[in-house]
C-alpha atoms as a PDB file:
ATOM      1  CA  UNK A   1       0.000   0.000   0.000  1.00  0.00           C
ATOM      2  CA  UNK A   2       1.484   3.346  -1.092  1.00  0.00           C
ATOM      3  CA  UNK A   3       1.800   6.313   1.246  1.00  0.00           C
ATOM      4  CA  UNK A   4      -0.746   8.239  -0.806  1.00  0.00           C
ATOM      5  CA  UNK A   5      -3.315   5.547   0.043  1.00  0.00           C
ATOM      6  CA  UNK A   6      -2.998   6.312   3.748  1.00  0.00           C
ATOM      7  CA  UNK A   7      -4.399   9.082   5.902  1.00  0.00           C
ATOM      8  CA  UNK A   8      -2.631  10.390   8.981  1.00  0.00           C
ATOM      9  CA  UNK A   9      -5.000  10.684  11.927  1.00  0.00           C
ATOM     10  CA  UNK A  10      -4.871  10.694  15.710  1.00  0.00           C
ATOM     11  CA  UNK A  11      -6.412   8.701  18.538  1.00  0.00           C
ATOM     12  CA  UNK A  12      -7.115   9.615  22.153  1.00  0.00           C
ATOM     13  CA  UNK A  13      -7.261  13.329  21.516  1.00  0.00           C
ATOM     14  CA  UNK A  14      -3.872  13.363  19.803  1.00  0.00           C
ATOM     15  CA  UNK A  15      -1.997  11.145  22.257  1.00  0.00           C
ATOM     16  CA  UNK A  16      -1.540   8.509  19.549  1.00  0.00           C
ATOM     17  CA  UNK A  17      -0.334   9.098  15.979  1.00  0.00           C
ATOM     18  CA  UNK A  18      -2.217   6.844  13.619  1.00  0.00           C
ATOM     19  CA  UNK A  19      -1.940   5.904   9.952  1.00  0.00           C
ATOM     20  CA  UNK A  20      -4.771   4.020   8.284  1.00  0.00           C
ATOM     21  CA  UNK A  21      -6.059   3.310   4.775  1.00  0.00           C
ATOM     22  CA  UNK A  22      -7.706   6.348   3.225  1.00  0.00           C
ATOM     23  CA  UNK A  23     -10.480   4.067   1.988  1.00  0.00           C
ATOM     24  CA  UNK A  24     -11.749   0.680   3.040  1.00  0.00           C
ATOM     25  CA  UNK A  25     -10.633  -0.402   6.518  1.00  0.00           C
ATOM     26  CA  UNK A  26     -11.189   2.662   8.719  1.00  0.00           C
ATOM     27  CA  UNK A  27     -11.107   2.617  12.507  1.00  0.00           C
ATOM     28  CA  UNK A  28     -14.211   3.575  14.484  1.00  0.00           C
ATOM     29  CA  UNK A  29     -14.613   3.810  18.261  1.00  0.00           C
ATOM     30  CA  UNK A  30     -14.880   0.056  18.918  1.00  0.00           C
ATOM     31  CA  UNK A  31     -11.147  -0.662  19.381  1.00  0.00           C
ATOM     32  CA  UNK A  32     -10.794   2.360  21.653  1.00  0.00           C
ATOM     33  CA  UNK A  33     -13.546   1.130  23.961  1.00  0.00           C
ATOM     34  CA  UNK A  34     -12.069  -2.380  23.777  1.00  0.00           C
ATOM     35  CA  UNK A  35      -8.623  -1.217  24.896  1.00  0.00           C
ATOM     36  CA  UNK A  36     -10.100   0.899  27.680  1.00  0.00           C
ATOM     37  CA  UNK A  37     -11.940  -2.135  29.073  1.00  0.00           C
ATOM     38  CA  UNK A  38      -8.874  -4.381  29.441  1.00  0.00           C
ATOM     39  CA  UNK A  39      -7.995  -4.510  33.172  1.00  0.00           C
ATOM     40  CA  UNK A  40      -4.256  -4.817  32.580  1.00  0.00           C
ATOM     41  CA  UNK A  41      -1.710  -4.331  35.343  1.00  0.00           C
ATOM     42  CA  UNK A  42       1.951  -3.276  35.001  1.00  0.00           C
ATOM     43  CA  UNK A  43       4.178  -6.058  33.742  1.00  0.00           C
ATOM     44  CA  UNK A  44       1.414  -8.106  32.143  1.00  0.00           C
ATOM     45  CA  UNK A  45       1.328  -9.413  28.572  1.00  0.00           C
ATOM     46  CA  UNK A  46      -1.619  -8.739  26.267  1.00  0.00           C
ATOM     47  CA  UNK A  47      -2.505 -10.378  22.950  1.00  0.00           C
ATOM     48  CA  UNK A  48      -4.574  -8.355  20.463  1.00  0.00           C
ATOM     49  CA  UNK A  49      -6.295 -10.879  18.167  1.00  0.00           C
ATOM     50  CA  UNK A  50      -7.244  -9.488  14.768  1.00  0.00           C
ATOM     51  CA  UNK A  51      -5.277  -6.330  15.459  1.00  0.00           C
ATOM     52  CA  UNK A  52      -5.896  -4.608  12.123  1.00  0.00           C
ATOM     53  CA  UNK A  53      -3.877  -1.401  11.923  1.00  0.00           C
ATOM     54  CA  UNK A  54      -3.176  -1.585  15.661  1.00  0.00           C
ATOM     55  CA  UNK A  55      -5.705   0.878  17.099  1.00  0.00           C
ATOM     56  CA  UNK A  56      -6.574  -1.150  20.215  1.00  0.00           C
ATOM     57  CA  UNK A  57      -2.928  -2.052  20.855  1.00  0.00           C
ATOM     58  CA  UNK A  58      -1.837   1.571  20.522  1.00  0.00           C
ATOM     59  CA  UNK A  59      -4.562   2.862  22.838  1.00  0.00           C
ATOM     60  CA  UNK A  60      -3.686   0.278  25.468  1.00  0.00           C
ATOM     61  CA  UNK A  61       0.025   1.052  25.091  1.00  0.00           C
ATOM     62  CA  UNK A  62      -0.706   4.742  25.668  1.00  0.00           C
ATOM     63  CA  UNK A  63      -2.528   3.924  28.916  1.00  0.00           C
ATOM     64  CA  UNK A  64      -0.279   1.107  30.168  1.00  0.00           C
ATOM     65  CA  UNK A  65       3.373   1.868  29.328  1.00  0.00           C
ATOM     66  CA  UNK A  66       4.638  -0.983  31.531  1.00  0.00           C
ATOM     67  CA  UNK A  67       2.788  -3.752  29.685  1.00  0.00           C
ATOM     68  CA  UNK A  68       3.915  -5.861  26.736  1.00  0.00           C
ATOM     69  CA  UNK A  69       1.453  -6.011  23.819  1.00  0.00           C
ATOM     70  CA  UNK A  70       1.519  -8.391  20.867  1.00  0.00           C
ATOM     71  CA  UNK A  71      -0.903  -8.069  17.957  1.00  0.00           C
ATOM     72  CA  UNK A  72      -1.704 -10.761  15.411  1.00  0.00           C
ATOM     73  CA  UNK A  73      -3.252  -9.839  12.058  1.00  0.00           C
ATOM     74  CA  UNK A  74      -4.042 -11.993   9.023  1.00  0.00           C
ATOM     75  CA  UNK A  75      -3.878  -9.223   6.410  1.00  0.00           C
ATOM     76  CA  UNK A  76      -0.234  -8.369   5.865  1.00  0.00           C
ATOM     77  CA  UNK A  77      -0.904  -4.898   4.458  1.00  0.00           C
ATOM     78  CA  UNK A  78      -2.745  -3.962   7.663  1.00  0.00           C
ATOM     79  CA  UNK A  79      -0.049  -5.563   9.792  1.00  0.00           C
ATOM     80  CA  UNK A  80       2.610  -3.455   8.051  1.00  0.00           C
ATOM     81  CA  UNK A  81       0.614  -0.294   8.792  1.00  0.00           C
ATOM     82  CA  UNK A  82       0.314  -1.373  12.437  1.00  0.00           C
ATOM     83  CA  UNK A  83       4.089  -1.793  12.642  1.00  0.00           C
ATOM     84  CA  UNK A  84       4.556   1.690  11.171  1.00  0.00           C
ATOM     85  CA  UNK A  85       2.129   3.067  13.762  1.00  0.00           C
ATOM     86  CA  UNK A  86       4.033   1.447  16.613  1.00  0.00           C
ATOM     87  CA  UNK A  87       7.303   2.886  15.338  1.00  0.00           C
ATOM     88  CA  UNK A  88       5.795   6.340  14.769  1.00  0.00           C
ATOM     89  CA  UNK A  89       4.775   6.473  18.423  1.00  0.00           C
ATOM     90  CA  UNK A  90       8.145   5.212  19.662  1.00  0.00           C
ATOM     91  CA  UNK A  91       6.735   2.050  21.254  1.00  0.00           C
ATOM     92  CA  UNK A  92       8.666  -0.664  19.417  1.00  0.00           C
ATOM     93  CA  UNK A  93      10.203  -1.933  22.674  1.00  0.00           C
ATOM     94  CA  UNK A  94       6.832  -2.712  24.232  1.00  0.00           C
ATOM     95  CA  UNK A  95       4.521  -3.527  21.347  1.00  0.00           C
ATOM     96  CA  UNK A  96       4.875  -5.673  18.254  1.00  0.00           C
ATOM     97  CA  UNK A  97       2.742  -6.971  15.395  1.00  0.00           C
ATOM     98  CA  UNK A  98       2.873 -10.458  13.888  1.00  0.00           C
ATOM     99  CA  UNK A  99       1.342 -11.646  10.630  1.00  0.00           C
ATOM    100  CA  UNK A 100      -0.630 -14.802  11.249  1.00  0.00           C
ATOM    101  CA  UNK A 101      -3.871 -16.716  11.083  1.00  0.00           C
ATOM    102  CA  UNK A 102      -5.800 -17.419  14.263  1.00  0.00           C
ATOM    103  CA  UNK A 103      -6.643 -20.849  12.820  1.00  0.00           C
ATOM    104  CA  UNK A 104      -2.950 -21.793  12.737  1.00  0.00           C
ATOM    105  CA  UNK A 105      -1.164 -19.533  15.170  1.00  0.00           C
ATOM    106  CA  UNK A 106       2.519 -18.756  14.548  1.00  0.00           C
ATOM    107  CA  UNK A 107       4.847 -21.072  16.535  1.00  0.00           C
ATOM    108  CA  UNK A 108       6.406 -18.098  18.334  1.00  0.00           C
ATOM    109  CA  UNK A 109       3.085 -17.501  20.098  1.00  0.00           C
ATOM    110  CA  UNK A 110       3.005 -19.996  22.935  1.00  0.00           C
ATOM    111  CA  UNK A 111      -0.276 -21.275  24.284  1.00  0.00           C
ATOM    112  CA  UNK A 112      -1.319 -20.116  27.755  1.00  0.00           C
ATOM    113  CA  UNK A 113       1.298 -17.341  27.771  1.00  0.00           C
ATOM    114  CA  UNK A 114      -0.827 -14.165  27.949  1.00  0.00           C
ATOM    115  CA  UNK A 115      -2.450 -12.465  30.922  1.00  0.00           C
ATOM    116  CA  UNK A 116      -5.066 -10.843  28.675  1.00  0.00           C
ATOM    117  CA  UNK A 117      -6.531 -11.391  25.245  1.00  0.00           C
ATOM    118  CA  UNK A 118      -8.531  -8.585  23.648  1.00  0.00           C
ATOM    119  CA  UNK A 119     -10.369  -9.019  20.388  1.00  0.00           C
ATOM    120  CA  UNK A 120     -12.922  -7.474  18.051  1.00  0.00           C
ATOM    121  CA  UNK A 121     -14.040 -10.520  16.019  1.00  0.00           C
ATOM    122  CA  UNK A 122     -15.712 -10.217  12.612  1.00  0.00           C
ATOM    123  CA  UNK A 123     -19.318  -9.244  13.228  1.00  0.00           C
ATOM    124  CA  UNK A 124     -21.288 -11.171  10.620  1.00  0.00           C
ATOM    125  CA  UNK A 125     -21.688 -14.915  10.016  1.00  0.00           C
ATOM    126  CA  UNK A 126     -20.473 -15.932   6.571  1.00  0.00           C
ATOM    127  CA  UNK A 127     -23.676 -17.782   5.695  1.00  0.00           C
ATOM    128  CA  UNK A 128     -25.972 -14.791   6.219  1.00  0.00           C
ATOM    129  CA  UNK A 129     -23.904 -11.749   5.250  1.00  0.00           C
ATOM    130  CA  UNK A 130     -23.314  -9.811   2.070  1.00  0.00           C
ATOM    131  CA  UNK A 131     -19.601  -9.096   1.942  1.00  0.00           C
ATOM    132  CA  UNK A 132     -18.509  -5.470   1.424  1.00  0.00           C
ATOM    133  CA  UNK A 133     -16.845  -4.986  -1.972  1.00  0.00           C
ATOM    134  CA  UNK A 134     -13.510  -3.917  -0.466  1.00  0.00           C
ATOM    135  CA  UNK A 135     -11.552  -6.973   0.702  1.00  0.00           C
ATOM    136  CA  UNK A 136     -10.139  -5.354   3.855  1.00  0.00           C
ATOM    137  CA  UNK A 137     -13.601  -4.408   5.081  1.00  0.00           C
ATOM    138  CA  UNK A 138     -14.969  -7.824   4.145  1.00  0.00           C
ATOM    139  CA  UNK A 139     -12.278  -9.632   6.145  1.00  0.00           C
ATOM    140  CA  UNK A 140     -12.812  -7.344   9.130  1.00  0.00           C
ATOM    141  CA  UNK A 141     -16.590  -7.616   9.212  1.00  0.00           C
ATOM    142  CA  UNK A 142     -17.527 -11.069   7.904  1.00  0.00           C
ATOM    143  CA  UNK A 143     -16.436 -14.432   9.299  1.00  0.00           C
ATOM    144  CA  UNK A 144     -14.466 -16.586   6.882  1.00  0.00           C
ATOM    145  CA  UNK A 145     -12.814 -19.916   7.704  1.00  0.00           C
ATOM    146  CA  UNK A 146     -13.317 -19.338  11.442  1.00  0.00           C
ATOM    147  CA  UNK A 147     -16.738 -19.093  13.026  1.00  0.00           C
ATOM    148  CA  UNK A 148     -17.225 -16.928  16.102  1.00  0.00           C
ATOM    149  CA  UNK A 149     -17.041 -20.068  18.249  1.00  0.00           C
ATOM    150  CA  UNK A 150     -13.695 -21.012  16.659  1.00  0.00           C
ATOM    151  CA  UNK A 151     -12.380 -17.461  17.049  1.00  0.00           C
ATOM    152  CA  UNK A 152     -13.173 -17.470  20.765  1.00  0.00           C
ATOM    153  CA  UNK A 153     -11.849 -21.011  21.288  1.00  0.00           C
ATOM    154  CA  UNK A 154      -8.497 -20.212  19.683  1.00  0.00           C
ATOM    155  CA  UNK A 155      -8.239 -16.922  21.580  1.00  0.00           C
ATOM    156  CA  UNK A 156      -8.746 -18.738  24.873  1.00  0.00           C
ATOM    157  CA  UNK A 157      -5.923 -21.151  24.033  1.00  0.00           C
ATOM    158  CA  UNK A 158      -3.532 -18.210  24.379  1.00  0.00           C
ATOM    159  CA  UNK A 159      -4.715 -17.204  27.853  1.00  0.00           C
ATOM    160  CA  UNK A 160      -3.036 -18.265  31.057  1.00  0.00           C
ATOM    161  CA  UNK A 161      -5.265 -19.900  33.633  1.00  0.00           C
ATOM    162  CA  UNK A 162      -6.732 -16.960  35.504  1.00  0.00           C
ATOM    163  CA  UNK A 163      -6.256 -14.698  32.502  1.00  0.00           C
ATOM    164  CA  UNK A 164      -8.891 -12.314  31.181  1.00  0.00           C
ATOM    165  CA  UNK A 165     -10.662 -12.328  27.801  1.00  0.00           C
ATOM    166  CA  UNK A 166     -12.211  -9.023  26.679  1.00  0.00           C
ATOM    167  CA  UNK A 167     -14.307  -8.774  23.490  1.00  0.00           C
ATOM    168  CA  UNK A 168     -16.420  -6.176  21.746  1.00  0.00           C
ATOM    169  CA  UNK A 169     -19.152  -7.304  19.403  1.00  0.00           C
ATOM    170  CA  UNK A 170     -22.611  -6.590  18.045  1.00  0.00           C
ATOM    171  CA  UNK A 171     -25.312  -6.760  20.690  1.00  0.00           C
ATOM    172  CA  UNK A 172     -27.524  -8.884  18.452  1.00  0.00           C
ATOM    173  CA  UNK A 173     -24.917 -11.662  18.602  1.00  0.00           C
ATOM    174  CA  UNK A 174     -24.801 -11.863  22.394  1.00  0.00           C
ATOM    175  CA  UNK A 175     -26.403 -15.319  22.359  1.00  0.00           C
ATOM    176  CA  UNK A 176     -23.682 -16.578  20.013  1.00  0.00           C
ATOM    177  CA  UNK A 177     -20.955 -15.067  22.192  1.00  0.00           C
ATOM    178  CA  UNK A 178     -22.332 -16.603  25.368  1.00  0.00           C
ATOM    179  CA  UNK A 179     -22.631 -19.988  23.664  1.00  0.00           C
ATOM    180  CA  UNK A 180     -19.004 -19.722  22.520  1.00  0.00           C
ATOM    181  CA  UNK A 181     -17.668 -19.020  26.033  1.00  0.00           C
ATOM    182  CA  UNK A 182     -20.060 -21.274  27.979  1.00  0.00           C
ATOM    183  CA  UNK A 183     -18.072 -23.370  30.437  1.00  0.00           C
ATOM    184  CA  UNK A 184     -14.753 -21.907  29.307  1.00  0.00           C
ATOM    185  CA  UNK A 185     -14.605 -18.663  31.304  1.00  0.00           C
ATOM    186  CA  UNK A 186     -16.420 -17.394  34.374  1.00  0.00           C
ATOM    187  CA  UNK A 187     -17.108 -14.165  36.266  1.00  0.00           C
ATOM    188  CA  UNK A 188     -18.518 -12.940  32.965  1.00  0.00           C
ATOM    189  CA  UNK A 189     -19.768  -9.385  32.672  1.00  0.00           C
ATOM    190  CA  UNK A 190     -21.831  -8.040  29.775  1.00  0.00           C
ATOM    191  CA  UNK A 191     -21.407  -4.283  29.400  1.00  0.00           C
ATOM    192  CA  UNK A 192     -23.745  -2.519  26.919  1.00  0.00           C
ATOM    193  CA  UNK A 193     -22.747   0.603  25.026  1.00  0.00           C
ATOM    194  CA  UNK A 194     -26.019   2.522  24.811  1.00  0.00           C
ATOM    195  CA  UNK A 195     -26.275   4.923  21.830  1.00  0.00           C
ATOM    196  CA  UNK A 196     -28.277   7.451  23.895  1.00  0.00           C
ATOM    197  CA  UNK A 197     -30.206   7.477  27.162  1.00  0.00           C
ATOM    198  CA  UNK A 198     -33.539   7.381  25.346  1.00  0.00           C
ATOM    199  CA  UNK A 199     -34.419   3.704  25.383  1.00  0.00           C
ATOM    200  CA  UNK A 200     -32.688   2.781  22.143  1.00  0.00           C
ATOM    201  CA  UNK A 201     -31.215  -0.726  22.212  1.00  0.00           C
ATOM    202  CA  UNK A 202     -27.484  -1.158  22.464  1.00  0.00           C
ATOM    203  CA  UNK A 203     -25.717  -1.908  19.173  1.00  0.00           C
ATOM    204  CA  UNK A 204     -22.405  -2.858  20.776  1.00  0.00           C
ATOM    205  CA  UNK A 205     -21.533  -4.836  23.884  1.00  0.00           C
ATOM    206  CA  UNK A 206     -18.342  -5.581  25.710  1.00  0.00           C
ATOM    207  CA  UNK A 207     -18.069  -9.097  27.140  1.00  0.00           C
ATOM    208  CA  UNK A 208     -15.349 -10.006  29.612  1.00  0.00           C
ATOM    209  CA  UNK A 209     -14.534 -13.082  31.665  1.00  0.00           C
ATOM    210  CA  UNK A 210     -11.728 -14.944  33.409  1.00  0.00           C
ATOM    211  CA  UNK A 211     -10.300 -18.315  32.395  1.00  0.00           C
ATOM    212  CA  UNK A 212     -10.803 -20.859  35.152  1.00  0.00           C
ATOM    213  CA  UNK A 213     -13.240 -18.689  37.132  1.00  0.00           C
ATOM    214  CA  UNK A 214     -16.658 -20.012  38.179  1.00  0.00           C
ATOM    215  CA  UNK A 215     -18.546 -16.859  39.171  1.00  0.00           C
ATOM    216  CA  UNK A 216     -21.952 -16.086  37.663  1.00  0.00           C
ATOM    217  CA  UNK A 217     -22.664 -13.803  34.728  1.00  0.00           C
ATOM    218  CA  UNK A 218     -23.419 -10.168  35.534  1.00  0.00           C
ATOM    219  CA  UNK A 219     -25.139  -7.518  33.427  1.00  0.00           C
ATOM    220  CA  UNK A 220     -23.538  -4.097  33.995  1.00  0.00           C
ATOM    221  CA  UNK A 221     -25.258  -0.731  33.711  1.00  0.00           C
ATOM    222  CA  UNK A 222     -23.018   0.024  30.762  1.00  0.00           C
ATOM    223  CA  UNK A 223     -22.110   3.365  29.228  1.00  0.00           C
ATOM    224  CA  UNK A 224     -24.209   5.937  27.386  1.00  0.00           C
ATOM    225  CA  UNK A 225     -22.136   6.997  24.380  1.00  0.00           C
ATOM    226  CA  UNK A 226     -24.005  10.109  23.162  1.00  0.00           C
ATOM    227  CA  UNK A 227     -25.971  12.916  24.747  1.00  0.00           C
ATOM    228  CA  UNK A 228     -29.378  13.876  23.346  1.00  0.00           C
ATOM    229  CA  UNK A 229     -27.774  16.465  21.060  1.00  0.00           C
ATOM    230  CA  UNK A 230     -25.394  13.902  19.557  1.00  0.00           C
ATOM    231  CA  UNK A 231     -22.259  14.963  21.453  1.00  0.00           C
ATOM    232  CA  UNK A 232     -20.256  12.285  23.198  1.00  0.00           C
ATOM    233  CA  UNK A 233     -21.203  11.944  26.851  1.00  0.00           C
ATOM    234  CA  UNK A 234     -18.672  13.104  29.425  1.00  0.00           C
ATOM    235  CA  UNK A 235     -17.770   9.533  30.318  1.00  0.00           C
ATOM    236  CA  UNK A 236     -17.400   8.506  26.670  1.00  0.00           C
ATOM    237  CA  UNK A 237     -15.234  11.565  26.056  1.00  0.00           C
ATOM    238  CA  UNK A 238     -12.965  10.628  28.951  1.00  0.00           C
ATOM    239  CA  UNK A 239     -12.326   7.289  27.231  1.00  0.00           C
ATOM    240  CA  UNK A 240     -12.256   8.303  23.568  1.00  0.00           C
ATOM    241  CA  UNK A 241     -10.343  11.562  23.997  1.00  0.00           C
ATOM    242  CA  UNK A 242      -8.698  11.289  27.388  1.00  0.00           C
ATOM    243  CA  UNK A 243      -7.576   7.653  27.237  1.00  0.00           C
ATOM    244  CA  UNK A 244      -9.170   6.808  30.583  1.00  0.00           C
ATOM    245  CA  UNK A 245      -9.615   3.182  31.602  1.00  0.00           C
ATOM    246  CA  UNK A 246     -13.178   1.874  31.542  1.00  0.00           C
ATOM    247  CA  UNK A 247     -13.467  -0.872  34.176  1.00  0.00           C
ATOM    248  CA  UNK A 248     -16.446  -3.104  33.506  1.00  0.00           C
ATOM    249  CA  UNK A 249     -16.702  -4.044  37.184  1.00  0.00           C
ATOM    250  CA  UNK A 250     -15.152  -3.099  40.518  1.00  0.00           C
ATOM    251  CA  UNK A 251     -11.746  -4.703  41.186  1.00  0.00           C
ATOM    252  CA  UNK A 252     -11.976  -8.444  41.769  1.00  0.00           C
ATOM    253  CA  UNK A 253     -12.093  -9.576  45.369  1.00  0.00           C
ATOM    254  CA  UNK A 254     -12.663  -6.019  46.539  1.00  0.00           C
ATOM    255  CA  UNK A 255     -15.725  -4.437  48.068  1.00  0.00           C
ATOM    256  CA  UNK A 256     -15.973  -1.097  46.341  1.00  0.00           C
ATOM    257  CA  UNK A 257     -18.621   1.254  45.080  1.00  0.00           C
ATOM    258  CA  UNK A 258     -19.712   0.703  41.462  1.00  0.00           C
ATOM    259  CA  UNK A 259     -17.542   2.416  38.873  1.00  0.00           C
ATOM    260  CA  UNK A 260     -18.963   5.593  37.328  1.00  0.00           C
ATOM    261  CA  UNK A 261     -19.257   3.705  34.047  1.00  0.00           C
ATOM    262  CA  UNK A 262     -21.584   1.204  35.660  1.00  0.00           C
ATOM    263  CA  UNK A 263     -23.694   4.099  36.937  1.00  0.00           C
ATOM    264  CA  UNK A 264     -23.637   6.162  33.744  1.00  0.00           C
ATOM    265  CA  UNK A 265     -26.960   5.017  32.335  1.00  0.00           C
ATOM    266  CA  UNK A 266     -28.745   5.636  35.602  1.00  0.00           C
ATOM    267  CA  UNK A 267     -27.618   9.264  35.807  1.00  0.00           C
ATOM    268  CA  UNK A 268     -27.660  10.184  32.114  1.00  0.00           C
END
């Protein structure tokens, strides 16, 4: 991909320099919310599955400079852009991108070696979707050789016991997500991203759970993304522009008050 085919943008209110294709695969807010939801601690290792041009990895790297992040991406042209983005931000010592297929993971990625896996799987099942004409968008949005169940299964292989899986997906595929993780992770929380506080259904959800845990599923209050006038809500702005973490639950094994994100819908 030539330089003239790329646009130079910014994430997190300018904290992150970001190149991406001028047409086709363009980053929206999903990877930013995904990165904000990962409860990483200093020194931990994170795998970004289906990393694309590296938006989620870069946003997490900006928030957690003491973590090690590895992204895996099937499309080599996107992977090369992600590498350029890492280098442009000066983070090559703590983040890297690998070309690879989740169906046959590169040998250098050892099973059960990551504290966290974050992923934004393709949204649409192959048997019921019309693929976008641009290949990059088609690969990002429509399942191919891997079903959602396979995508989740292979992602979990990379997690340590006790590690955390964080996903963002379409709300209308929640049943498929829960079926894919049933019996494999516990302490699951479903966190809706409400378009506005006007009763509209959520289009996106974050789902998070812990490998080896047995706790019950919880439905969080979630986050209202937009005010009535279309502006981002204050809490959404703190994530999308300020790079703030977005915990989906209070810290584990701690008795704390609910996070402001879990209260956002109530007070919107």
